[in-house]
Amino acid sequence: MLGMVFTEFIEMVEARFSPEVADAVLADAGLAHGGAYTAVGYYPAEELQAMVLGLARRSGHSADELVRSFGSHLAQRFSQAHGHYFAAHRHPFDLIAAIDGHIHVEVRKLYPQAQLPHFDVLERSSTQMRMRYRSERRLQMLALGLIEGVMAHYGCRGRVSMAALDDGAEFLLEDLT
């Protein structure tokens, strides 16, 4: 898994909980890398899972809730770091529909070893979009948080429903604005 995911998770923990909680989560997890990650390195996904479970124990929040919140955090960070992608689209459905065909193509150029999830738009209208998320890592709660974060970025008052599948999830996005 790309190191940027790890560094952003640690930054979220520091900001939302405290640097001390982040240090304790890293120490508790017994990570092979000792919690020293670079944004461009690759690390086992199990290390992120260990950090999430450790934070869940310390915070009293469920792992799913933390991963979903992390997805929203990532959406905000992506909008800051890669604002041109967000500015190129007028509606959250447009950006989300462009993930596989445009954004992930660019990510693969920079990080050829990245194992990225797949997002397939199944149906779309001006007020609804049904899509499928597929990933070996089954981080559908992260995808849910990302989708919600993208919708919030655009000021879209909406609702996102998720149905878990064996290899990911199906989402129904509704624009209620």
C-alpha atoms as a PDB file:
ATOM      1  CA  MET A   1       0.000   0.000   0.000  1.00  0.00           C
ATOM      2  CA  LEU A   2       1.285   3.451  -0.860  1.00  0.00           C
ATOM      3  CA  GLY A   3       2.995   5.214   2.037  1.00  0.00           C
ATOM      4  CA  MET A   4       0.947   8.367   1.515  1.00  0.00           C
ATOM      5  CA  VAL A   5      -2.038   6.476   2.963  1.00  0.00           C
ATOM      6  CA  PHE A   6      -0.024   5.725   6.114  1.00  0.00           C
ATOM      7  CA  THR A   7       1.343   9.237   6.542  1.00  0.00           C
ATOM      8  CA  GLU A   8      -2.126  10.731   6.077  1.00  0.00           C
ATOM      9  CA  PHE A   9      -3.627   8.320   8.592  1.00  0.00           C
ATOM     10  CA  ILE A  10      -1.038   9.308  11.179  1.00  0.00           C
ATOM     11  CA  GLU A  11      -1.666  13.004  10.450  1.00  0.00           C
ATOM     12  CA  MET A  12      -5.407  12.481  10.898  1.00  0.00           C
ATOM     13  CA  VAL A  13      -4.872  10.730  14.230  1.00  0.00           C
ATOM     14  CA  GLU A  14      -2.600  13.545  15.427  1.00  0.00           C
ATOM     15  CA  ALA A  15      -5.107  16.221  14.365  1.00  0.00           C
ATOM     16  CA  ARG A  16      -8.305  14.548  15.575  1.00  0.00           C
ATOM     17  CA  PHE A  17      -6.985  12.892  18.715  1.00  0.00           C
ATOM     18  CA  SER A  18      -3.442  14.006  19.619  1.00  0.00           C
ATOM     19  CA  PRO A  19       0.201  13.394  18.754  1.00  0.00           C
ATOM     20  CA  GLU A  20       0.428  11.313  21.943  1.00  0.00           C
ATOM     21  CA  VAL A  21      -2.398   9.036  20.800  1.00  0.00           C
ATOM     22  CA  ALA A  22      -0.709   8.662  17.406  1.00  0.00           C
ATOM     23  CA  ASP A  23       2.577   7.696  19.089  1.00  0.00           C
ATOM     24  CA  ALA A  24       0.799   5.198  21.349  1.00  0.00           C
ATOM     25  CA  VAL A  25      -1.065   3.622  18.408  1.00  0.00           C
ATOM     26  CA  LEU A  26       2.213   3.221  16.512  1.00  0.00           C
ATOM     27  CA  ALA A  27       3.956   1.728  19.547  1.00  0.00           C
ATOM     28  CA  ASP A  28       1.068  -0.639  20.333  1.00  0.00           C
ATOM     29  CA  ALA A  29       0.880  -1.927  16.752  1.00  0.00           C
ATOM     30  CA  GLY A  30       4.413  -3.372  16.807  1.00  0.00           C
ATOM     31  CA  LEU A  31       4.983  -2.331  13.208  1.00  0.00           C
ATOM     32  CA  ALA A  32       7.881  -3.679  11.163  1.00  0.00           C
ATOM     33  CA  HIS A  33       8.619  -0.123  10.036  1.00  0.00           C
ATOM     34  CA  GLY A  34       8.256   1.277  13.523  1.00  0.00           C
ATOM     35  CA  GLY A  35       5.774   3.808  12.222  1.00  0.00           C
ATOM     36  CA  ALA A  36       8.383   5.526  10.045  1.00  0.00           C
ATOM     37  CA  TYR A  37       6.718   5.858   6.653  1.00  0.00           C
ATOM     38  CA  THR A  38       7.535   7.859   3.557  1.00  0.00           C
ATOM     39  CA  ALA A  39       4.744   9.072   1.305  1.00  0.00           C
ATOM     40  CA  VAL A  40       6.244   7.366  -1.762  1.00  0.00           C
ATOM     41  CA  GLY A  41       7.147   4.032  -0.153  1.00  0.00           C
ATOM     42  CA  TYR A  42       5.095   0.849  -0.229  1.00  0.00           C
ATOM     43  CA  TYR A  43       4.062  -0.935   2.961  1.00  0.00           C
ATOM     44  CA  PRO A  44       1.917  -3.935   3.916  1.00  0.00           C
ATOM     45  CA  ALA A  45      -1.783  -3.101   4.248  1.00  0.00           C
ATOM     46  CA  GLU A  46      -1.808  -5.164   7.445  1.00  0.00           C
ATOM     47  CA  GLU A  47       0.185  -2.398   9.145  1.00  0.00           C
ATOM     48  CA  LEU A  48      -2.571   0.118   8.445  1.00  0.00           C
ATOM     49  CA  GLN A  49      -5.113  -2.377   9.722  1.00  0.00           C
ATOM     50  CA  ALA A  50      -3.093  -2.793  12.941  1.00  0.00           C
ATOM     51  CA  MET A  51      -3.050   0.978  13.429  1.00  0.00           C
ATOM     52  CA  VAL A  52      -6.807   1.280  12.835  1.00  0.00           C
ATOM     53  CA  LEU A  53      -7.551  -1.519  15.317  1.00  0.00           C
ATOM     54  CA  GLY A  54      -5.218   0.067  17.867  1.00  0.00           C
ATOM     55  CA  LEU A  55      -6.911   3.439  17.461  1.00  0.00           C
ATOM     56  CA  ALA A  56     -10.307   1.766  17.811  1.00  0.00           C
ATOM     57  CA  ARG A  57      -9.238   0.255  21.143  1.00  0.00           C
ATOM     58  CA  ARG A  58      -7.860   3.555  22.411  1.00  0.00           C
ATOM     59  CA  SER A  59     -10.633   5.823  21.152  1.00  0.00           C
ATOM     60  CA  GLY A  60     -13.741   3.730  21.686  1.00  0.00           C
ATOM     61  CA  HIS A  61     -14.770   4.301  18.053  1.00  0.00           C
ATOM     62  CA  SER A  62     -15.393   1.324  15.780  1.00  0.00           C
ATOM     63  CA  ALA A  63     -12.809   0.451  13.150  1.00  0.00           C
ATOM     64  CA  ASP A  64     -15.428   1.023  10.431  1.00  0.00           C
ATOM     65  CA  GLU A  65     -16.219   4.483  11.800  1.00  0.00           C
ATOM     66  CA  LEU A  66     -12.516   5.385  11.893  1.00  0.00           C
ATOM     67  CA  VAL A  67     -11.861   4.137   8.360  1.00  0.00           C
ATOM     68  CA  ARG A  68     -14.903   6.040   7.066  1.00  0.00           C
ATOM     69  CA  SER A  69     -13.692   9.184   8.806  1.00  0.00           C
ATOM     70  CA  PHE A  70     -10.257   8.627   7.314  1.00  0.00           C
ATOM     71  CA  GLY A  71     -11.817   8.454   3.848  1.00  0.00           C
ATOM     72  CA  SER A  72     -13.428  11.841   4.407  1.00  0.00           C
ATOM     73  CA  HIS A  73     -10.079  13.173   5.644  1.00  0.00           C
ATOM     74  CA  LEU A  74      -8.395  11.881   2.473  1.00  0.00           C
ATOM     75  CA  ALA A  75     -10.990  13.581   0.275  1.00  0.00           C
ATOM     76  CA  GLN A  76     -10.214  16.886   1.973  1.00  0.00           C
ATOM     77  CA  ARG A  77      -6.462  16.362   1.623  1.00  0.00           C
ATOM     78  CA  PHE A  78      -6.811  15.356  -2.032  1.00  0.00           C
ATOM     79  CA  SER A  79      -8.837  18.501  -2.712  1.00  0.00           C
ATOM     80  CA  GLN A  80      -6.020  20.574  -1.211  1.00  0.00           C
ATOM     81  CA  ALA A  81      -3.118  18.736  -2.833  1.00  0.00           C
ATOM     82  CA  HIS A  82      -4.775  18.037  -6.190  1.00  0.00           C
ATOM     83  CA  GLY A  83      -7.242  20.883  -6.496  1.00  0.00           C
ATOM     84  CA  HIS A  84      -6.945  20.885 -10.281  1.00  0.00           C
ATOM     85  CA  TYR A  85      -8.821  17.556 -10.437  1.00  0.00           C
ATOM     86  CA  PHE A  86     -11.635  19.006  -8.338  1.00  0.00           C
ATOM     87  CA  ALA A  87     -11.690  22.286 -10.271  1.00  0.00           C
ATOM     88  CA  ALA A  88     -11.949  20.405 -13.568  1.00  0.00           C
ATOM     89  CA  HIS A  89     -15.364  19.049 -12.569  1.00  0.00           C
ATOM     90  CA  ARG A  90     -18.542  20.936 -11.686  1.00  0.00           C
ATOM     91  CA  HIS A  91     -20.324  18.184  -9.779  1.00  0.00           C
ATOM     92  CA  PRO A  92     -19.149  15.427  -7.420  1.00  0.00           C
ATOM     93  CA  PHE A  93     -20.591  12.749  -9.714  1.00  0.00           C
ATOM     94  CA  ASP A  94     -18.315  14.015 -12.506  1.00  0.00           C
ATOM     95  CA  LEU A  95     -15.188  13.724 -10.355  1.00  0.00           C
ATOM     96  CA  ILE A  96     -16.147  10.322  -8.946  1.00  0.00           C
ATOM     97  CA  ALA A  97     -16.921   9.004 -12.432  1.00  0.00           C
ATOM     98  CA  ALA A  98     -13.447  10.140 -13.560  1.00  0.00           C
ATOM     99  CA  ILE A  99     -11.526   8.200 -10.899  1.00  0.00           C
ATOM    100  CA  ASP A 100     -10.741   5.053 -12.898  1.00  0.00           C
ATOM    101  CA  GLY A 101     -10.468   6.590 -16.363  1.00  0.00           C
ATOM    102  CA  HIS A 102      -8.436   9.679 -15.500  1.00  0.00           C
ATOM    103  CA  ILE A 103      -7.222  10.037 -11.922  1.00  0.00           C
ATOM    104  CA  HIS A 104      -6.011   6.458 -11.422  1.00  0.00           C
ATOM    105  CA  VAL A 105      -4.282   6.592 -14.824  1.00  0.00           C
ATOM    106  CA  GLU A 106      -2.211   9.513 -13.551  1.00  0.00           C
ATOM    107  CA  VAL A 107      -1.563   7.818 -10.195  1.00  0.00           C
ATOM    108  CA  ARG A 108      -0.246   4.723 -12.008  1.00  0.00           C
ATOM    109  CA  LYS A 109       2.210   6.893 -13.953  1.00  0.00           C
ATOM    110  CA  LEU A 110       3.696   8.154 -10.684  1.00  0.00           C
ATOM    111  CA  TYR A 111       3.342   4.946  -8.669  1.00  0.00           C
ATOM    112  CA  PRO A 112       3.407   1.948 -11.022  1.00  0.00           C
ATOM    113  CA  GLN A 113       3.291  -0.572  -8.150  1.00  0.00           C
ATOM    114  CA  ALA A 114       0.142   0.940  -6.622  1.00  0.00           C
ATOM    115  CA  GLN A 115      -2.731  -1.516  -6.237  1.00  0.00           C
ATOM    116  CA  LEU A 116      -5.689   0.757  -6.790  1.00  0.00           C
ATOM    117  CA  PRO A 117      -9.364  -0.034  -6.318  1.00  0.00           C
ATOM    118  CA  HIS A 118     -11.774   0.025  -9.242  1.00  0.00           C
ATOM    119  CA  PHE A 119     -14.818   2.268  -9.494  1.00  0.00           C
ATOM    120  CA  ASP A 120     -17.363   1.418 -12.175  1.00  0.00           C
ATOM    121  CA  VAL A 121     -20.345   3.663 -12.838  1.00  0.00           C
ATOM    122  CA  LEU A 122     -23.342   1.405 -13.413  1.00  0.00           C
ATOM    123  CA  GLU A 123     -26.088   4.025 -13.836  1.00  0.00           C
ATOM    124  CA  ARG A 124     -26.187   7.774 -13.712  1.00  0.00           C
ATOM    125  CA  SER A 125     -28.700  10.598 -13.887  1.00  0.00           C
ATOM    126  CA  SER A 126     -28.508  14.224 -12.779  1.00  0.00           C
ATOM    127  CA  THR A 127     -29.603  13.296  -9.244  1.00  0.00           C
ATOM    128  CA  GLN A 128     -28.383   9.715  -8.764  1.00  0.00           C
ATOM    129  CA  MET A 129     -25.377   7.596  -9.520  1.00  0.00           C
ATOM    130  CA  ARG A 130     -25.014   3.901  -8.869  1.00  0.00           C
ATOM    131  CA  MET A 131     -21.489   2.607  -8.837  1.00  0.00           C
ATOM    132  CA  ARG A 132     -19.477  -0.428  -7.893  1.00  0.00           C
ATOM    133  CA  TYR A 133     -16.271  -0.416  -5.878  1.00  0.00           C
ATOM    134  CA  ARG A 134     -13.950  -3.423  -6.168  1.00  0.00           C
ATOM    135  CA  SER A 135     -10.739  -4.000  -4.279  1.00  0.00           C
ATOM    136  CA  GLU A 136      -8.736  -6.899  -2.899  1.00  0.00           C
ATOM    137  CA  ARG A 137      -8.413  -4.918   0.339  1.00  0.00           C
ATOM    138  CA  ARG A 138     -12.167  -4.502   0.773  1.00  0.00           C
ATOM    139  CA  LEU A 139     -11.885  -0.978   2.145  1.00  0.00           C
ATOM    140  CA  GLN A 140     -15.443  -0.052   1.250  1.00  0.00           C
ATOM    141  CA  MET A 141     -15.753   2.091   4.386  1.00  0.00           C
ATOM    142  CA  LEU A 142     -12.776   4.122   3.153  1.00  0.00           C
ATOM    143  CA  ALA A 143     -14.479   4.470  -0.233  1.00  0.00           C
ATOM    144  CA  LEU A 144     -17.701   5.536   1.498  1.00  0.00           C
ATOM    145  CA  GLY A 145     -15.852   8.228   3.432  1.00  0.00           C
ATOM    146  CA  LEU A 146     -14.090   9.423   0.274  1.00  0.00           C
ATOM    147  CA  ILE A 147     -17.393   9.677  -1.595  1.00  0.00           C
ATOM    148  CA  GLU A 148     -19.008  11.575   1.271  1.00  0.00           C
ATOM    149  CA  GLY A 149     -15.979  13.860   1.486  1.00  0.00           C
ATOM    150  CA  VAL A 150     -16.095  14.612  -2.246  1.00  0.00           C
ATOM    151  CA  MET A 151     -19.797  15.399  -2.045  1.00  0.00           C
ATOM    152  CA  ALA A 152     -19.166  17.719   0.921  1.00  0.00           C
ATOM    153  CA  HIS A 153     -16.347  19.449  -0.957  1.00  0.00           C
ATOM    154  CA  TYR A 154     -18.788  20.397  -3.710  1.00  0.00           C
ATOM    155  CA  GLY A 155     -21.412  21.485  -1.192  1.00  0.00           C
ATOM    156  CA  CYS A 156     -23.695  18.713  -2.385  1.00  0.00           C
ATOM    157  CA  ARG A 157     -26.391  17.863   0.106  1.00  0.00           C
ATOM    158  CA  GLY A 158     -26.842  14.212  -0.548  1.00  0.00           C
ATOM    159  CA  ARG A 159     -27.085  10.690   0.699  1.00  0.00           C
ATOM    160  CA  VAL A 160     -24.878   7.689   0.034  1.00  0.00           C
ATOM    161  CA  SER A 161     -26.150   4.137   0.515  1.00  0.00           C
ATOM    162  CA  MET A 162     -23.834   1.152   0.495  1.00  0.00           C
ATOM    163  CA  ALA A 163     -24.444  -2.559  -0.031  1.00  0.00           C
ATOM    164  CA  ALA A 164     -21.465  -4.789   0.745  1.00  0.00           C
ATOM    165  CA  LEU A 165     -20.417  -7.355  -1.866  1.00  0.00           C
ATOM    166  CA  ASP A 166     -17.879 -10.182  -1.678  1.00  0.00           C
ATOM    167  CA  ASP A 167     -15.220  -8.142  -3.470  1.00  0.00           C
ATOM    168  CA  GLY A 168     -16.232  -4.610  -2.497  1.00  0.00           C
ATOM    169  CA  ALA A 169     -19.484  -2.717  -2.455  1.00  0.00           C
ATOM    170  CA  GLU A 170     -22.176  -1.076  -4.509  1.00  0.00           C
ATOM    171  CA  PHE A 171     -22.991   2.554  -3.765  1.00  0.00           C
ATOM    172  CA  LEU A 172     -26.025   4.648  -4.549  1.00  0.00           C
ATOM    173  CA  LEU A 173     -25.236   8.356  -4.474  1.00  0.00           C
ATOM    174  CA  GLU A 174     -28.134  10.775  -4.347  1.00  0.00           C
ATOM    175  CA  ASP A 175     -27.901  14.532  -4.885  1.00  0.00           C
ATOM    176  CA  LEU A 176     -30.664  16.083  -2.759  1.00  0.00           C
ATOM    177  CA  THR A 177     -29.774  19.727  -3.489  1.00  0.00           C
END
